[in-house]
Amino acid sequence: LYRLAAEQRGLPDAEFNLAVLYDAGLGVPQDHKEAARWYRDAADQGHAAAQFNVGVMYAGGQGVSQDLAEAAKWYRKAADQGAPEAAYNLGVLYAEGQGVAQDLREALRLYRLAAEQGHADAQFNLGGMYATGRGAGRDDVEAYKWIAMAAAKGDQDAARAMDRLSGRMTAAQVAYAKQRVAAWKPCKSMTECDVRLH
């Protein structure tokens, strides 16, 4: 059924779903090239999850030749639509200078965009950037806030980092950071996230 609907063109959800089936080998033989084709068709129509998956396929060289610049392009399209995983992955590329010129401020912005939507890995990386002053001024309270949120989601590395970080903070700083954690709420929309970033 998905194939019939996907072949009609103009049905990006059907094309995306068919791509997922090929990607995972669910009910059809696993075929990453076919998955990439259908993801791309849906992505070209603005389907954010498909755009993200096209980025993943280029990043890993699955079904397509590995091309980190092309991965960055597709992550950007999905991130611009509010996909936190895409913003996080694009942030990693900017932080490491892979497929794009290294830009720590852009990495920080992208991590923040994903972190504001509750993405634990982005919260941890954002906290790490504030803890080290990499891409932003060092800010232990802001670092603790984001790392604590990642730790609360079960990230053991974040829990250890939080312990180390609290060792160089005053009791008042830790208390203030904990208040900020308690008051934080994830963005409900891209518009709200944009407002928080400015």
Protein backbone atom coordinates (compact mmCIF):
# COMPACT_ATOMS: atom_id res chain seq x y z
CA LEU A 1 0.00 0.00 0.00
CA TYR A 2 2.78 2.45 0.86
CA ARG A 3 4.46 1.73 -2.46
CA LEU A 4 1.24 2.38 -4.37
CA ALA A 5 0.67 5.63 -2.51
CA ALA A 6 4.35 6.66 -2.79
CA GLU A 7 4.39 6.06 -6.53
CA GLN A 8 1.55 8.54 -6.93
CA ARG A 9 4.09 11.30 -6.03
CA GLY A 10 3.09 14.27 -3.98
CA LEU A 11 2.46 12.09 -0.91
CA PRO A 12 5.58 12.68 1.20
CA ASP A 13 4.26 10.76 4.23
CA ALA A 14 3.75 7.65 2.09
CA GLU A 15 7.19 8.09 0.51
CA PHE A 16 8.74 8.49 3.97
CA ASN A 17 6.97 5.41 5.31
CA LEU A 18 8.09 3.35 2.32
CA ALA A 19 11.66 4.54 2.88
CA VAL A 20 11.47 3.43 6.52
CA LEU A 21 10.37 -0.04 5.40
CA TYR A 22 13.32 -0.34 2.99
CA ASP A 23 15.73 1.15 5.51
CA ALA A 24 14.79 -1.37 8.21
CA GLY A 25 13.89 -4.31 5.96
CA LEU A 26 10.33 -4.48 7.28
CA GLY A 27 8.16 -6.51 4.91
CA VAL A 28 10.61 -5.87 2.07
CA PRO A 29 14.26 -6.80 1.58
CA GLN A 30 16.48 -4.24 3.28
CA ASP A 31 17.76 -1.87 0.61
CA HIS A 32 19.48 1.35 1.68
CA LYS A 33 19.69 2.69 -1.88
CA GLU A 34 15.93 2.32 -2.29
CA ALA A 35 15.41 3.84 1.16
CA ALA A 36 17.61 6.81 0.23
CA ARG A 37 15.62 7.30 -2.98
CA TRP A 38 12.27 7.45 -1.17
CA TYR A 39 13.60 9.55 1.71
CA ARG A 40 14.97 12.00 -0.87
CA ASP A 41 11.64 12.19 -2.70
CA ALA A 42 9.85 13.00 0.57
CA ALA A 43 12.65 15.36 1.66
CA ASP A 44 12.43 17.31 -1.60
CA GLN A 45 8.79 17.99 -0.69
CA GLY A 46 9.75 19.45 2.68
CA HIS A 47 9.19 16.40 4.92
CA ALA A 48 11.38 17.21 7.97
CA ALA A 49 11.88 13.63 9.18
CA ALA A 50 12.85 12.57 5.66
CA GLN A 51 15.28 15.50 5.42
CA PHE A 52 16.87 14.37 8.67
CA ASN A 53 17.14 10.78 7.44
CA VAL A 54 18.69 11.89 4.14
CA GLY A 55 21.28 13.70 6.27
CA VAL A 56 21.90 10.55 8.31
CA MET A 57 22.34 8.50 5.16
CA TYR A 58 24.89 10.96 3.72
CA ALA A 59 26.71 11.15 7.06
CA GLY A 60 27.02 7.38 7.28
CA GLY A 61 27.32 6.57 3.59
CA GLN A 62 24.27 4.31 3.67
CA GLY A 63 22.61 3.93 0.27
CA VAL A 64 24.59 6.95 -0.97
CA SER A 65 28.23 7.96 -1.05
CA GLN A 66 29.34 9.46 2.25
CA ASP A 67 29.29 13.25 1.97
CA LEU A 68 29.31 15.28 5.17
CA ALA A 69 28.68 18.57 3.35
CA GLU A 70 25.53 17.06 1.84
CA ALA A 71 24.57 15.68 5.27
CA ALA A 72 24.93 19.17 6.72
CA LYS A 73 22.69 20.60 3.99
CA TRP A 74 19.88 18.16 4.81
CA TYR A 75 20.31 18.50 8.58
CA ARG A 76 19.98 22.27 8.11
CA LYS A 77 16.69 21.86 6.21
CA ALA A 78 15.25 19.64 8.94
CA ALA A 79 16.62 21.81 11.76
CA ASP A 80 15.04 24.88 10.17
CA GLN A 81 11.71 23.08 10.55
CA GLY A 82 12.34 22.43 14.25
CA ALA A 83 13.76 18.88 14.21
CA PRO A 84 15.91 18.74 17.38
CA GLU A 85 17.90 15.67 16.31
CA ALA A 86 18.85 17.45 13.09
CA ALA A 87 19.92 20.58 14.97
CA TYR A 88 22.02 18.41 17.29
CA ASN A 89 23.70 16.49 14.45
CA LEU A 90 24.39 19.71 12.57
CA GLY A 91 25.82 21.18 15.78
CA VAL A 92 28.23 18.24 16.01
CA LEU A 93 29.38 18.86 12.43
CA TYR A 94 30.01 22.55 13.19
CA ALA A 95 31.78 21.77 16.47
CA GLU A 96 34.10 19.32 14.74
CA GLY A 97 34.43 21.14 11.41
CA GLN A 98 33.19 18.15 9.43
CA GLY A 99 31.44 18.92 6.14
CA VAL A 100 31.31 22.57 7.15
CA ALA A 101 33.85 25.09 8.38
CA GLN A 102 34.30 24.78 12.13
CA ASP A 103 32.15 27.39 13.85
CA LEU A 104 31.80 26.98 17.60
CA ARG A 105 29.24 29.79 17.92
CA GLU A 106 27.00 28.07 15.36
CA ALA A 107 27.50 24.75 17.15
CA LEU A 108 26.48 26.41 20.41
CA ARG A 109 23.38 27.94 18.77
CA LEU A 110 22.33 24.61 17.26
CA TYR A 111 22.92 22.70 20.49
CA ARG A 112 20.85 25.32 22.28
CA LEU A 113 18.04 24.97 19.72
CA ALA A 114 17.92 21.20 20.28
CA ALA A 115 18.47 21.49 24.05
CA GLU A 116 15.56 23.90 24.39
CA GLN A 117 13.39 21.15 22.87
CA GLY A 118 14.60 18.64 25.48
CA HIS A 119 17.29 16.81 23.48
CA ALA A 120 19.54 15.22 26.15
CA ASP A 121 22.72 14.88 24.06
CA ALA A 122 22.42 18.52 22.99
CA GLN A 123 21.88 19.54 26.61
CA PHE A 124 25.05 17.68 27.61
CA ASN A 125 27.13 19.15 24.76
CA LEU A 126 25.77 22.64 25.39
CA GLY A 127 26.64 22.34 29.06
CA GLY A 128 30.11 21.14 28.14
CA MET A 129 30.66 24.18 25.94
CA TYR A 130 29.67 26.52 28.78
CA ALA A 131 31.83 24.53 31.24
CA THR A 132 34.93 24.91 29.07
CA GLY A 133 34.21 28.31 27.53
CA ARG A 134 34.39 26.71 24.09
CA GLY A 135 32.21 28.77 21.74
CA ALA A 136 30.93 30.97 24.56
CA GLY A 137 32.18 32.56 27.74
CA ARG A 138 32.68 30.07 30.55
CA ASP A 139 29.55 30.00 32.70
CA ASP A 140 29.42 27.30 35.37
CA VAL A 141 25.81 28.00 36.34
CA GLU A 142 24.61 27.68 32.73
CA ALA A 143 26.82 24.61 32.28
CA TYR A 144 25.40 22.96 35.41
CA LYS A 145 21.83 23.74 34.33
CA TRP A 146 22.15 21.98 30.97
CA ILE A 147 24.28 19.09 32.20
CA ALA A 148 21.87 18.47 35.10
CA MET A 149 18.98 18.20 32.64
CA ALA A 150 20.87 15.60 30.61
CA ALA A 151 21.76 13.73 33.81
CA ALA A 152 18.09 13.71 34.84
CA LYS A 153 17.36 11.80 31.62
CA GLY A 154 19.77 9.06 32.67
CA ASP A 155 22.98 10.21 30.97
CA GLN A 156 25.72 8.78 33.22
CA ASP A 157 28.46 10.90 31.62
CA ALA A 158 26.37 13.97 32.43
CA ALA A 159 25.94 12.82 36.04
CA ARG A 160 29.72 12.49 36.42
CA ALA A 161 30.31 15.85 34.72
CA MET A 162 27.75 17.47 37.03
CA ASP A 163 29.63 16.14 40.07
CA ARG A 164 32.95 17.47 38.75
CA LEU A 165 31.41 20.81 37.86
CA SER A 166 29.76 21.28 41.25
CA GLY A 167 33.20 20.79 42.84
CA ARG A 168 34.37 24.11 41.39
CA MET A 169 31.15 26.01 42.12
CA THR A 170 29.99 27.73 45.29
CA ALA A 171 26.97 26.38 47.14
CA ALA A 172 25.04 29.48 46.06
CA GLN A 173 25.90 28.89 42.39
CA VAL A 174 24.75 25.26 42.59
CA ALA A 175 21.52 26.30 44.31
CA TYR A 176 20.86 28.94 41.66
CA ALA A 177 21.58 26.46 38.86
CA LYS A 178 19.14 23.98 40.43
CA GLN A 179 16.47 26.70 40.55
CA ARG A 180 17.03 27.35 36.85
CA VAL A 181 16.68 23.63 36.11
CA ALA A 182 13.41 23.46 38.05
CA ALA A 183 12.02 26.50 36.22
CA TRP A 184 12.97 25.30 32.72
CA LYS A 185 10.31 24.06 30.30
CA PRO A 186 10.92 22.77 26.76
CA CYS A 187 9.87 24.92 23.80
CA LYS A 188 6.40 24.24 22.51
CA SER A 189 7.12 25.66 19.06
CA MET A 190 9.94 26.86 16.81
CA THR A 191 8.75 30.41 17.37
CA GLU A 192 9.17 30.02 21.12
CA CYS A 193 12.63 28.50 20.62
CA ASP A 194 13.63 31.38 18.33
CA VAL A 195 12.55 33.88 21.00
CA ARG A 196 14.65 32.09 23.64
CA LEU A 197 17.71 32.12 21.39
CA HIS A 198 17.56 35.91 20.91
